């Protein structure tokens, strides 16, 4: 079967899903395709081009339910949840993209297109939509990055310092340590909490703007 850029990117995604971005090399990719390594360069210039192509391919797969008649809060939650589902389908690639590809979201990406439409529908002035949407992306991506690299799991198990820690007597700390369940903190619940906090913040901003108390309005 002749080599194509789409076939190369599909094979690269399979390798990344299995072994991670760091393990991907052009030689391994050629082996997976049963091709001469030099022949890949007729279609992709280098590994970085492969990674960008794979990221674009995965980003184009994003799908979400369109609920124009639903409250914007519900639409934001659904959009973020669907984006999270995509990230967890390809966790090794997405963790890399979030950390190493600041331009992984482009203006015509389905996620960005849907998000900006929802933000505008919420009542954000059109001139401020890009800034508000960018901040929302930063929050969602930040939470997902912490999920995918294990940081969120680790941080959520930390106990607040202070003199009251462990006052419940012997065994209290052990009980606290198991409150999160055998697999650690409930990351689904934590993601919902993050989205609730984000939505509450935007609601407050919109209310302040309507009351003439907005800060930094141009």
N, C-alpha and C. Protein backbone atom coordinates (compact mmCIF):
# COMPACT_ATOMS: atom_id res chain seq x y z
N UNK A 1 0.86 -1.19 0.00
CA UNK A 1 0.00 0.00 0.00
C UNK A 1 0.89 1.25 0.00
N UNK A 2 0.65 2.18 -0.90
CA UNK A 2 1.50 3.37 -0.97
C UNK A 2 1.37 4.23 0.28
N UNK A 3 2.47 4.90 0.62
CA UNK A 3 2.46 5.79 1.77
C UNK A 3 1.65 7.05 1.47
N UNK A 4 0.92 7.50 2.47
CA UNK A 4 0.22 8.78 2.40
C UNK A 4 0.42 9.50 3.72
N UNK A 5 0.23 10.80 3.71
CA UNK A 5 0.36 11.55 4.96
C UNK A 5 -0.66 11.08 5.99
N UNK A 6 -1.89 10.83 5.55
CA UNK A 6 -2.92 10.37 6.49
C UNK A 6 -2.55 9.03 7.10
N UNK A 7 -2.00 8.13 6.29
CA UNK A 7 -1.60 6.83 6.80
C UNK A 7 -0.46 6.93 7.78
N UNK A 8 0.49 7.83 7.51
CA UNK A 8 1.62 8.05 8.41
C UNK A 8 1.13 8.59 9.75
N UNK A 9 0.22 9.55 9.72
CA UNK A 9 -0.28 10.15 10.96
C UNK A 9 -1.09 9.14 11.76
N UNK A 10 -1.86 8.31 11.07
CA UNK A 10 -2.64 7.28 11.77
C UNK A 10 -1.72 6.29 12.48
N UNK A 11 -0.65 5.89 11.81
CA UNK A 11 0.30 4.96 12.42
C UNK A 11 1.01 5.62 13.59
N UNK A 12 1.36 6.89 13.44
CA UNK A 12 2.02 7.62 14.52
C UNK A 12 1.13 7.70 15.75
N UNK A 13 -0.16 7.95 15.54
CA UNK A 13 -1.09 8.03 16.66
C UNK A 13 -1.17 6.69 17.40
N UNK A 14 -1.19 5.60 16.66
CA UNK A 14 -1.22 4.28 17.30
C UNK A 14 0.02 4.06 18.16
N UNK A 15 1.17 4.44 17.64
CA UNK A 15 2.42 4.27 18.40
C UNK A 15 2.43 5.17 19.64
N UNK A 16 1.95 6.39 19.50
CA UNK A 16 1.91 7.32 20.63
C UNK A 16 0.97 6.80 21.70
N UNK A 17 -0.20 6.31 21.30
CA UNK A 17 -1.15 5.77 22.26
C UNK A 17 -0.54 4.60 23.04
N UNK A 18 0.30 3.83 22.38
CA UNK A 18 0.90 2.65 23.03
C UNK A 18 2.08 3.03 23.92
N UNK A 19 3.00 3.85 23.41
CA UNK A 19 4.28 4.05 24.09
C UNK A 19 4.58 5.50 24.48
N UNK A 20 3.80 6.45 24.02
CA UNK A 20 4.04 7.84 24.36
C UNK A 20 4.81 8.59 23.29
N UNK A 21 4.79 9.90 23.37
CA UNK A 21 5.43 10.76 22.38
C UNK A 21 6.94 10.57 22.38
N UNK A 22 7.53 10.46 23.56
CA UNK A 22 8.98 10.39 23.65
C UNK A 22 9.53 9.16 22.95
N UNK A 23 8.76 8.08 22.92
CA UNK A 23 9.24 6.83 22.30
C UNK A 23 9.11 6.84 20.79
N UNK A 24 8.37 7.80 20.25
CA UNK A 24 8.16 7.83 18.80
C UNK A 24 9.42 8.33 18.08
N UNK A 25 9.87 7.58 17.10
CA UNK A 25 10.96 8.02 16.22
C UNK A 25 10.53 7.76 14.78
N UNK A 26 11.20 8.43 13.87
CA UNK A 26 10.88 8.23 12.46
C UNK A 26 11.20 6.80 12.04
N UNK A 27 12.24 6.22 12.63
CA UNK A 27 12.60 4.84 12.29
C UNK A 27 11.52 3.86 12.77
N UNK A 28 11.04 4.06 14.01
CA UNK A 28 9.98 3.19 14.51
C UNK A 28 8.71 3.35 13.68
N UNK A 29 8.44 4.57 13.28
CA UNK A 29 7.26 4.83 12.47
C UNK A 29 7.37 4.12 11.12
N UNK A 30 8.57 4.17 10.52
CA UNK A 30 8.78 3.50 9.25
C UNK A 30 8.63 1.99 9.40
N UNK A 31 9.13 1.45 10.51
CA UNK A 31 9.01 0.02 10.75
C UNK A 31 7.54 -0.39 10.87
N UNK A 32 6.76 0.43 11.58
CA UNK A 32 5.34 0.13 11.73
C UNK A 32 4.61 0.15 10.39
N UNK A 33 5.13 0.96 9.47
CA UNK A 33 4.51 1.08 8.15
C UNK A 33 5.16 0.17 7.12
N UNK A 34 6.18 -0.58 7.57
CA UNK A 34 6.93 -1.46 6.67
C UNK A 34 7.46 -0.66 5.48
N UNK A 35 8.09 0.46 5.82
CA UNK A 35 8.59 1.36 4.78
C UNK A 35 10.03 1.76 5.08
N UNK A 36 10.69 2.27 4.09
CA UNK A 36 12.03 2.83 4.26
C UNK A 36 11.91 4.15 5.00
N UNK A 37 12.70 4.36 6.07
CA UNK A 37 12.58 5.61 6.84
C UNK A 37 12.68 6.86 5.97
N UNK A 38 13.55 6.84 4.96
CA UNK A 38 13.72 8.03 4.13
C UNK A 38 12.46 8.34 3.31
N UNK A 39 11.66 7.32 3.04
CA UNK A 39 10.46 7.56 2.23
C UNK A 39 9.42 8.39 2.97
N UNK A 40 9.49 8.39 4.34
CA UNK A 40 8.53 9.18 5.11
C UNK A 40 8.70 10.68 4.84
N UNK A 41 9.94 11.07 4.56
CA UNK A 41 10.23 12.50 4.41
C UNK A 41 9.66 13.08 3.12
N UNK A 42 9.13 12.23 2.25
CA UNK A 42 8.43 12.75 1.08
C UNK A 42 7.05 13.29 1.46
N UNK A 43 6.59 12.91 2.68
CA UNK A 43 5.24 13.28 3.11
C UNK A 43 5.24 14.16 4.36
N UNK A 44 6.21 13.98 5.25
CA UNK A 44 6.33 14.78 6.47
C UNK A 44 7.80 15.17 6.64
N UNK A 45 8.04 16.39 7.09
CA UNK A 45 9.42 16.89 7.11
C UNK A 45 10.24 16.34 8.27
N UNK A 46 9.60 16.09 9.43
CA UNK A 46 10.33 15.61 10.60
C UNK A 46 9.33 15.14 11.66
N UNK A 47 9.86 14.75 12.81
CA UNK A 47 8.99 14.26 13.88
C UNK A 47 8.04 15.35 14.37
N UNK A 48 8.53 16.58 14.46
CA UNK A 48 7.68 17.67 14.93
C UNK A 48 6.49 17.86 14.00
N UNK A 49 6.73 17.74 12.70
CA UNK A 49 5.63 17.86 11.75
C UNK A 49 4.64 16.72 11.92
N UNK A 50 5.15 15.53 12.24
CA UNK A 50 4.27 14.39 12.50
C UNK A 50 3.40 14.68 13.71
N UNK A 51 4.01 15.18 14.79
CA UNK A 51 3.26 15.45 16.01
C UNK A 51 2.19 16.51 15.78
N UNK A 52 2.53 17.54 15.04
CA UNK A 52 1.55 18.58 14.76
C UNK A 52 0.41 18.03 13.89
N UNK A 53 0.77 17.19 12.95
CA UNK A 53 -0.26 16.59 12.12
C UNK A 53 -1.18 15.67 12.89
N UNK A 54 -0.60 14.89 13.80
CA UNK A 54 -1.41 14.00 14.62
C UNK A 54 -2.34 14.80 15.52
N UNK A 55 -1.81 15.87 16.11
CA UNK A 55 -2.64 16.72 16.97
C UNK A 55 -3.79 17.34 16.20
N UNK A 56 -3.52 17.81 14.98
CA UNK A 56 -4.60 18.37 14.15
C UNK A 56 -5.65 17.30 13.83
N UNK A 57 -5.17 16.10 13.54
CA UNK A 57 -6.09 15.01 13.20
C UNK A 57 -7.00 14.69 14.38
N UNK A 58 -6.43 14.59 15.57
CA UNK A 58 -7.23 14.29 16.75
C UNK A 58 -8.17 15.44 17.07
N UNK A 59 -7.67 16.67 16.96
CA UNK A 59 -8.53 17.83 17.22
C UNK A 59 -9.73 17.89 16.30
N UNK A 60 -9.53 17.48 15.06
CA UNK A 60 -10.63 17.50 14.10
C UNK A 60 -11.68 16.44 14.41
N UNK A 61 -11.33 15.47 15.26
CA UNK A 61 -12.28 14.43 15.64
C UNK A 61 -13.25 14.90 16.72
N UNK A 62 -12.99 16.06 17.30
CA UNK A 62 -13.84 16.52 18.39
C UNK A 62 -15.27 16.71 17.94
N UNK A 63 -16.17 16.15 18.73
CA UNK A 63 -17.59 16.31 18.46
C UNK A 63 -18.31 16.63 19.76
N UNK A 64 -19.33 17.44 19.68
CA UNK A 64 -20.15 17.73 20.85
C UNK A 64 -21.59 17.92 20.40
N UNK A 65 -22.51 17.73 21.31
CA UNK A 65 -23.92 17.92 21.00
C UNK A 65 -24.22 19.42 20.97
N UNK A 66 -24.94 19.87 19.98
CA UNK A 66 -25.32 21.28 19.87
C UNK A 66 -26.66 21.49 20.56
N UNK A 67 -26.66 22.35 21.58
CA UNK A 67 -27.88 22.62 22.35
C UNK A 67 -28.13 24.12 22.39
N UNK A 68 -28.50 24.68 21.25
CA UNK A 68 -28.67 26.14 21.20
C UNK A 68 -29.73 26.66 22.16
N UNK A 69 -30.74 25.84 22.47
CA UNK A 69 -31.83 26.29 23.33
C UNK A 69 -31.54 26.07 24.81
N UNK A 70 -30.46 25.38 25.14
CA UNK A 70 -30.13 25.11 26.54
C UNK A 70 -29.43 26.32 27.14
N UNK A 71 -29.47 26.48 28.47
CA UNK A 71 -28.72 27.56 29.12
C UNK A 71 -27.24 27.44 28.79
N UNK A 72 -26.58 28.59 28.69
CA UNK A 72 -25.16 28.55 28.31
C UNK A 72 -24.35 27.77 29.32
N UNK A 73 -24.77 27.78 30.60
CA UNK A 73 -24.03 27.04 31.62
C UNK A 73 -24.01 25.54 31.30
N UNK A 74 -25.16 25.02 30.89
CA UNK A 74 -25.24 23.60 30.54
C UNK A 74 -24.41 23.30 29.30
N UNK A 75 -24.41 24.22 28.36
CA UNK A 75 -23.64 24.02 27.12
C UNK A 75 -22.14 24.03 27.41
N UNK A 76 -21.69 24.89 28.32
CA UNK A 76 -20.27 24.92 28.70
C UNK A 76 -19.87 23.59 29.34
N UNK A 77 -20.72 23.11 30.27
CA UNK A 77 -20.39 21.84 30.95
C UNK A 77 -20.28 20.70 29.95
N UNK A 78 -21.24 20.64 29.02
CA UNK A 78 -21.23 19.56 28.04
C UNK A 78 -20.01 19.67 27.12
N UNK A 79 -19.71 20.87 26.67
CA UNK A 79 -18.56 21.08 25.79
C UNK A 79 -17.27 20.65 26.48
N UNK A 80 -17.09 21.09 27.72
CA UNK A 80 -15.87 20.75 28.45
C UNK A 80 -15.79 19.25 28.71
N UNK A 81 -16.92 18.64 29.03
CA UNK A 81 -16.94 17.20 29.28
C UNK A 81 -16.59 16.41 28.03
N UNK A 82 -17.10 16.84 26.88
CA UNK A 82 -16.80 16.16 25.63
C UNK A 82 -15.32 16.35 25.26
N UNK A 83 -14.78 17.52 25.52
CA UNK A 83 -13.36 17.77 25.25
C UNK A 83 -12.49 16.90 26.16
N UNK A 84 -12.91 16.76 27.40
CA UNK A 84 -12.19 15.90 28.34
C UNK A 84 -12.22 14.44 27.86
N UNK A 85 -13.37 14.01 27.35
CA UNK A 85 -13.47 12.64 26.84
C UNK A 85 -12.48 12.41 25.69
N UNK A 86 -12.34 13.40 24.81
CA UNK A 86 -11.37 13.29 23.71
C UNK A 86 -9.95 13.20 24.27
N UNK A 87 -9.64 14.03 25.26
CA UNK A 87 -8.30 14.02 25.85
C UNK A 87 -7.98 12.66 26.46
N UNK A 88 -8.97 12.05 27.09
CA UNK A 88 -8.73 10.76 27.72
C UNK A 88 -8.70 9.60 26.72
N UNK A 89 -9.17 9.82 25.51
CA UNK A 89 -9.03 8.78 24.48
C UNK A 89 -7.59 8.70 23.98
N UNK A 90 -6.88 9.82 24.04
CA UNK A 90 -5.49 9.86 23.59
C UNK A 90 -4.66 10.61 24.63
N UNK A 91 -4.56 10.09 25.85
CA UNK A 91 -3.97 10.85 26.95
C UNK A 91 -2.50 11.21 26.75
N UNK A 92 -1.72 10.32 26.16
CA UNK A 92 -0.30 10.61 26.00
C UNK A 92 -0.06 11.72 24.98
N UNK A 93 -0.80 11.68 23.90
CA UNK A 93 -0.67 12.75 22.91
C UNK A 93 -1.17 14.07 23.46
N UNK A 94 -2.34 14.06 24.11
CA UNK A 94 -2.93 15.31 24.56
C UNK A 94 -2.12 15.94 25.68
N UNK A 95 -1.56 15.12 26.57
CA UNK A 95 -0.71 15.68 27.62
C UNK A 95 0.49 16.39 27.00
N UNK A 96 1.05 15.80 25.97
CA UNK A 96 2.17 16.44 25.26
C UNK A 96 1.71 17.73 24.57
N UNK A 97 0.60 17.66 23.88
CA UNK A 97 0.11 18.83 23.14
C UNK A 97 -0.19 19.99 24.07
N UNK A 98 -0.85 19.70 25.19
CA UNK A 98 -1.17 20.76 26.14
C UNK A 98 0.09 21.46 26.64
N UNK A 99 1.17 20.71 26.82
CA UNK A 99 2.39 21.25 27.42
C UNK A 99 3.37 21.82 26.41
N UNK A 100 3.36 21.32 25.16
CA UNK A 100 4.41 21.66 24.21
C UNK A 100 3.91 22.35 22.94
N UNK A 101 2.60 22.44 22.75
CA UNK A 101 2.08 23.03 21.51
C UNK A 101 1.07 24.13 21.85
N UNK A 102 1.54 25.33 22.17
CA UNK A 102 0.62 26.40 22.55
C UNK A 102 -0.37 26.77 21.46
N UNK A 103 -0.08 26.39 20.21
CA UNK A 103 -0.99 26.71 19.11
C UNK A 103 -1.81 25.50 18.70
N UNK A 104 -1.97 24.54 19.62
CA UNK A 104 -2.70 23.33 19.23
C UNK A 104 -4.18 23.61 18.99
N UNK A 105 -4.71 24.71 19.52
CA UNK A 105 -6.08 25.13 19.20
C UNK A 105 -6.02 26.26 18.18
N UNK A 106 -6.69 26.05 17.07
CA UNK A 106 -6.71 27.02 15.98
C UNK A 106 -8.12 27.62 15.85
N UNK A 107 -8.24 28.77 15.17
CA UNK A 107 -9.54 29.45 15.09
C UNK A 107 -10.66 28.61 14.51
N UNK A 108 -10.32 27.67 13.61
CA UNK A 108 -11.36 26.87 12.98
C UNK A 108 -11.58 25.52 13.65
N UNK A 109 -10.92 25.28 14.79
CA UNK A 109 -11.12 24.03 15.51
C UNK A 109 -12.55 23.93 16.03
N UNK A 110 -13.16 22.74 15.97
CA UNK A 110 -14.55 22.60 16.44
C UNK A 110 -14.72 23.03 17.89
N UNK A 111 -13.75 22.73 18.75
CA UNK A 111 -13.87 23.10 20.16
C UNK A 111 -13.90 24.61 20.33
N UNK A 112 -12.96 25.30 19.67
CA UNK A 112 -12.89 26.76 19.80
C UNK A 112 -14.12 27.42 19.18
N UNK A 113 -14.56 26.92 18.05
CA UNK A 113 -15.74 27.48 17.40
C UNK A 113 -16.96 27.38 18.30
N UNK A 114 -17.15 26.20 18.92
CA UNK A 114 -18.30 26.01 19.81
C UNK A 114 -18.18 26.86 21.06
N UNK A 115 -16.98 26.92 21.62
CA UNK A 115 -16.78 27.68 22.86
C UNK A 115 -17.06 29.16 22.67
N UNK A 116 -16.51 29.75 21.62
CA UNK A 116 -16.72 31.18 21.41
C UNK A 116 -18.20 31.49 21.16
N UNK A 117 -18.89 30.58 20.49
CA UNK A 117 -20.33 30.80 20.26
C UNK A 117 -21.10 30.78 21.58
N UNK A 118 -20.72 29.87 22.48
CA UNK A 118 -21.40 29.80 23.78
C UNK A 118 -21.09 31.03 24.63
N UNK A 119 -19.84 31.45 24.63
CA UNK A 119 -19.45 32.62 25.42
C UNK A 119 -20.21 33.86 24.96
N UNK A 120 -20.34 34.02 23.66
CA UNK A 120 -21.09 35.17 23.13
C UNK A 120 -22.57 35.05 23.50
N UNK A 121 -23.11 33.82 23.42
CA UNK A 121 -24.52 33.61 23.78
C UNK A 121 -24.77 33.89 25.26
N UNK A 122 -23.73 33.75 26.08
CA UNK A 122 -23.89 34.02 27.52
C UNK A 122 -24.06 35.50 27.80
N UNK A 123 -23.69 36.34 26.85
CA UNK A 123 -23.84 37.78 27.04
C UNK A 123 -22.53 38.54 27.12
N UNK A 124 -21.42 37.85 26.86
CA UNK A 124 -20.13 38.53 26.86
C UNK A 124 -20.05 39.42 25.61
N UNK A 125 -19.64 40.69 25.77
CA UNK A 125 -19.51 41.56 24.60
C UNK A 125 -18.59 40.93 23.55
N UNK A 126 -18.95 41.08 22.30
CA UNK A 126 -18.21 40.40 21.23
C UNK A 126 -16.72 40.73 21.26
N UNK A 127 -16.38 41.96 21.62
CA UNK A 127 -14.96 42.35 21.64
C UNK A 127 -14.17 41.61 22.72
N UNK A 128 -14.88 41.09 23.74
CA UNK A 128 -14.21 40.41 24.83
C UNK A 128 -14.28 38.89 24.74
N UNK A 129 -15.01 38.40 23.76
CA UNK A 129 -15.19 36.95 23.63
C UNK A 129 -13.86 36.20 23.53
N UNK A 130 -12.91 36.64 22.67
CA UNK A 130 -11.65 35.88 22.58
C UNK A 130 -10.90 35.79 23.91
N UNK A 131 -10.88 36.89 24.67
CA UNK A 131 -10.16 36.87 25.95
C UNK A 131 -10.82 35.93 26.95
N UNK A 132 -12.14 36.03 27.08
CA UNK A 132 -12.86 35.17 28.02
C UNK A 132 -12.73 33.71 27.61
N UNK A 133 -12.89 33.44 26.31
CA UNK A 133 -12.78 32.06 25.83
C UNK A 133 -11.37 31.52 26.05
N UNK A 134 -10.35 32.36 25.85
CA UNK A 134 -8.97 31.92 26.06
C UNK A 134 -8.73 31.56 27.52
N UNK A 135 -9.28 32.35 28.43
CA UNK A 135 -9.13 32.04 29.85
C UNK A 135 -9.84 30.74 30.21
N UNK A 136 -11.00 30.51 29.61
CA UNK A 136 -11.72 29.27 29.88
C UNK A 136 -10.95 28.07 29.35
N UNK A 137 -10.35 28.20 28.18
CA UNK A 137 -9.50 27.13 27.64
C UNK A 137 -8.34 26.86 28.58
N UNK A 138 -7.74 27.94 29.10
CA UNK A 138 -6.60 27.77 30.00
C UNK A 138 -6.99 26.98 31.25
N UNK A 139 -8.18 27.25 31.78
CA UNK A 139 -8.63 26.51 32.96
C UNK A 139 -8.88 25.04 32.62
N UNK A 140 -9.61 24.80 31.55
CA UNK A 140 -9.92 23.42 31.16
C UNK A 140 -8.65 22.63 30.85
N UNK A 141 -7.77 23.23 30.08
CA UNK A 141 -6.52 22.55 29.71
C UNK A 141 -5.64 22.33 30.94
N UNK A 142 -5.62 23.32 31.84
CA UNK A 142 -4.83 23.16 33.06
C UNK A 142 -5.30 21.99 33.90
N UNK A 143 -6.60 21.88 34.07
CA UNK A 143 -7.16 20.78 34.86
C UNK A 143 -6.88 19.45 34.16
N UNK A 144 -7.07 19.40 32.84
CA UNK A 144 -6.84 18.16 32.11
C UNK A 144 -5.37 17.76 32.12
N UNK A 145 -4.48 18.74 32.01
CA UNK A 145 -3.06 18.43 32.07
C UNK A 145 -2.70 17.80 33.41
N UNK A 146 -3.24 18.37 34.49
CA UNK A 146 -2.98 17.81 35.81
C UNK A 146 -3.57 16.41 35.96
N UNK A 147 -4.72 16.19 35.33
CA UNK A 147 -5.31 14.84 35.34
C UNK A 147 -4.41 13.85 34.61
N UNK A 148 -4.02 14.22 33.40
CA UNK A 148 -3.32 13.28 32.53
C UNK A 148 -1.91 12.96 33.02
N UNK A 149 -1.25 13.93 33.66
CA UNK A 149 0.12 13.65 34.13
C UNK A 149 0.16 13.16 35.58
N UNK A 150 -1.02 13.03 36.21
CA UNK A 150 -1.08 12.48 37.56
C UNK A 150 -0.98 13.49 38.67
N UNK A 151 -0.74 14.76 38.34
CA UNK A 151 -0.56 15.78 39.38
C UNK A 151 -1.84 15.98 40.19
N UNK A 152 -2.98 16.02 39.52
CA UNK A 152 -4.24 16.26 40.23
C UNK A 152 -4.50 15.15 41.25
N UNK A 153 -4.25 13.93 40.85
CA UNK A 153 -4.43 12.79 41.75
C UNK A 153 -3.55 12.95 43.00
N UNK A 154 -2.31 13.37 42.76
CA UNK A 154 -1.37 13.52 43.87
C UNK A 154 -1.73 14.69 44.77
N UNK A 155 -2.04 15.84 44.17
CA UNK A 155 -2.35 17.03 44.96
C UNK A 155 -3.60 16.85 45.81
N UNK A 156 -4.59 16.15 45.25
CA UNK A 156 -5.85 15.99 45.96
C UNK A 156 -5.73 15.13 47.20
N UNK A 157 -4.64 14.39 47.31
CA UNK A 157 -4.43 13.55 48.49
C UNK A 157 -3.65 14.27 49.59
N UNK A 158 -3.15 15.48 49.29
CA UNK A 158 -2.42 16.24 50.29
C UNK A 158 -3.37 16.75 51.37
N UNK A 159 -2.95 16.69 52.61
CA UNK A 159 -3.77 17.18 53.72
C UNK A 159 -3.35 18.59 54.11
N UNK A 160 -4.32 19.46 54.47
CA UNK A 160 -3.96 20.83 54.90
C UNK A 160 -3.08 20.78 56.14
N UNK A 161 -2.00 21.55 56.17
CA UNK A 161 -1.17 21.59 57.37
C UNK A 161 -1.87 22.38 58.47
N UNK A 162 -1.46 22.18 59.70
CA UNK A 162 -2.02 22.96 60.80
C UNK A 162 -2.13 22.14 62.06
N UNK A 163 -2.33 22.82 63.18
CA UNK A 163 -2.37 22.14 64.47
C UNK A 163 -3.55 21.21 64.64
N UNK A 164 -4.61 21.40 63.81
CA UNK A 164 -5.79 20.55 63.97
C UNK A 164 -5.66 19.23 63.23
N UNK A 165 -4.61 19.09 62.43
CA UNK A 165 -4.46 17.87 61.66
C UNK A 165 -4.31 16.67 62.58
N UNK A 166 -5.11 15.67 62.35
CA UNK A 166 -4.97 14.44 63.13
C UNK A 166 -5.55 14.50 64.51
N UNK A 167 -6.36 15.54 64.84
CA UNK A 167 -6.89 15.67 66.19
C UNK A 167 -7.91 14.59 66.54
N UNK A 168 -8.40 13.92 65.50
CA UNK A 168 -9.43 12.93 65.75
C UNK A 168 -8.93 11.70 66.46
N UNK A 169 -7.63 11.66 66.74
CA UNK A 169 -7.11 10.52 67.48
C UNK A 169 -6.51 9.49 66.56
N UNK A 170 -5.96 8.43 67.12
CA UNK A 170 -5.33 7.40 66.32
C UNK A 170 -6.32 6.83 65.31
N UNK A 171 -5.82 6.67 64.12
CA UNK A 171 -6.65 6.09 63.07
C UNK A 171 -7.43 7.11 62.27
N UNK A 172 -7.55 8.37 62.77
CA UNK A 172 -8.30 9.39 62.04
C UNK A 172 -7.65 9.70 60.71
N UNK A 173 -6.33 9.87 60.73
CA UNK A 173 -5.62 10.18 59.50
C UNK A 173 -5.76 9.05 58.50
N UNK A 174 -5.76 7.80 59.00
CA UNK A 174 -5.90 6.67 58.10
C UNK A 174 -7.27 6.68 57.44
N UNK A 175 -8.30 7.04 58.23
CA UNK A 175 -9.63 7.10 57.66
C UNK A 175 -9.72 8.20 56.60
N UNK A 176 -9.08 9.36 56.90
CA UNK A 176 -9.08 10.45 55.93
C UNK A 176 -8.43 10.00 54.63
N UNK A 177 -7.36 9.25 54.76
CA UNK A 177 -6.59 8.85 53.59
C UNK A 177 -7.39 7.93 52.68
N UNK A 178 -8.39 7.25 53.24
CA UNK A 178 -9.18 6.33 52.42
C UNK A 178 -10.50 6.93 51.96
N UNK A 179 -10.77 8.18 52.37
CA UNK A 179 -12.04 8.81 51.99
C UNK A 179 -12.20 8.90 50.47
N UNK A 180 -11.07 9.04 49.78
CA UNK A 180 -11.14 9.22 48.33
C UNK A 180 -11.40 7.92 47.60
N UNK A 181 -11.40 6.79 48.28
CA UNK A 181 -11.65 5.52 47.63
C UNK A 181 -10.35 4.83 47.25
N UNK A 182 -10.44 3.59 46.84
CA UNK A 182 -9.24 2.81 46.56
C UNK A 182 -8.43 3.33 45.39
N UNK A 183 -9.06 4.04 44.46
CA UNK A 183 -8.35 4.55 43.29
C UNK A 183 -7.95 6.01 43.44
N UNK A 184 -8.09 6.56 44.64
CA UNK A 184 -7.72 7.94 44.86
C UNK A 184 -8.89 8.88 44.65
N UNK A 185 -8.62 10.18 44.54
CA UNK A 185 -9.68 11.18 44.41
C UNK A 185 -10.56 10.91 43.19
N UNK A 186 -11.83 11.29 43.31
CA UNK A 186 -12.78 11.14 42.22
C UNK A 186 -12.55 12.28 41.23
N UNK A 187 -11.82 12.02 40.16
CA UNK A 187 -11.46 13.07 39.22
C UNK A 187 -12.65 13.54 38.39
N UNK A 188 -13.65 12.68 38.21
CA UNK A 188 -14.87 13.14 37.54
C UNK A 188 -15.54 14.25 38.35
N UNK A 189 -15.66 14.00 39.66
CA UNK A 189 -16.27 15.00 40.54
C UNK A 189 -15.43 16.27 40.58
N UNK A 190 -14.10 16.12 40.61
CA UNK A 190 -13.23 17.29 40.67
C UNK A 190 -13.33 18.11 39.39
N UNK A 191 -13.48 17.44 38.24
CA UNK A 191 -13.63 18.18 36.99
C UNK A 191 -14.94 18.95 36.99
N UNK A 192 -16.01 18.31 37.48
CA UNK A 192 -17.29 19.02 37.57
C UNK A 192 -17.18 20.23 38.50
N UNK A 193 -16.45 20.07 39.60
CA UNK A 193 -16.25 21.19 40.52
C UNK A 193 -15.49 22.32 39.84
N UNK A 194 -14.49 21.98 39.05
CA UNK A 194 -13.73 23.00 38.33
C UNK A 194 -14.64 23.75 37.36
N UNK A 195 -15.49 23.03 36.65
CA UNK A 195 -16.40 23.68 35.70
C UNK A 195 -17.43 24.55 36.42
N UNK A 196 -17.93 24.06 37.56
CA UNK A 196 -18.88 24.86 38.34
C UNK A 196 -18.23 26.17 38.80
N UNK A 197 -16.98 26.08 39.24
CA UNK A 197 -16.26 27.27 39.69
C UNK A 197 -16.04 28.24 38.54
N UNK A 198 -15.68 27.71 37.37
CA UNK A 198 -15.48 28.55 36.19
C UNK A 198 -16.77 29.24 35.78
N UNK A 199 -17.85 28.50 35.77
CA UNK A 199 -19.14 29.06 35.37
C UNK A 199 -19.61 30.11 36.37
N UNK A 200 -19.44 29.83 37.66
CA UNK A 200 -19.83 30.80 38.69
C UNK A 200 -19.06 32.10 38.53
N UNK A 201 -17.78 31.99 38.20
CA UNK A 201 -16.97 33.19 37.99
C UNK A 201 -17.48 34.03 36.82
N UNK A 202 -17.85 33.37 35.72
CA UNK A 202 -18.36 34.11 34.57
C UNK A 202 -19.74 34.70 34.88
N UNK A 203 -20.56 33.96 35.61
CA UNK A 203 -21.87 34.50 36.00
C UNK A 203 -21.69 35.77 36.83
N UNK A 204 -20.75 35.76 37.75
CA UNK A 204 -20.50 36.93 38.59
C UNK A 204 -20.02 38.10 37.75
N UNK A 205 -19.16 37.82 36.80
CA UNK A 205 -18.65 38.88 35.92
C UNK A 205 -19.79 39.49 35.11
N UNK A 206 -20.65 38.66 34.56
CA UNK A 206 -21.76 39.16 33.76
C UNK A 206 -22.74 39.97 34.61
N UNK A 207 -22.99 39.50 35.83
CA UNK A 207 -23.89 40.23 36.73
C UNK A 207 -23.30 41.60 37.07
N UNK A 208 -22.00 41.63 37.35
CA UNK A 208 -21.34 42.90 37.67
C UNK A 208 -21.39 43.86 36.49
N UNK A 209 -21.22 43.33 35.28
CA UNK A 209 -21.29 44.17 34.09
C UNK A 209 -22.68 44.77 33.92
N UNK A 210 -23.70 43.95 34.16
CA UNK A 210 -25.07 44.45 34.02
C UNK A 210 -25.38 45.51 35.07
N UNK A 211 -24.76 45.38 36.23
CA UNK A 211 -24.99 46.34 37.31
C UNK A 211 -24.06 47.55 37.21
N UNK A 212 -23.24 47.58 36.16
CA UNK A 212 -22.32 48.70 35.98
C UNK A 212 -21.12 48.67 36.87
N UNK A 213 -20.78 47.46 37.39
CA UNK A 213 -19.64 47.34 38.29
C UNK A 213 -18.48 46.60 37.65
N UNK A 214 -18.57 46.35 36.33
CA UNK A 214 -17.52 45.61 35.67
C UNK A 214 -16.19 46.33 35.76
N UNK A 215 -15.12 45.54 35.80
CA UNK A 215 -13.77 46.09 35.91
C UNK A 215 -13.06 45.90 34.57
N UNK A 216 -12.42 46.94 34.11
CA UNK A 216 -11.60 46.84 32.92
C UNK A 216 -12.39 46.85 31.62
N UNK A 217 -13.65 47.30 31.66
CA UNK A 217 -14.43 47.38 30.44
C UNK A 217 -13.88 48.48 29.55
N UNK A 218 -13.86 48.18 28.26
CA UNK A 218 -13.34 49.18 27.32
C UNK A 218 -14.49 49.82 26.57
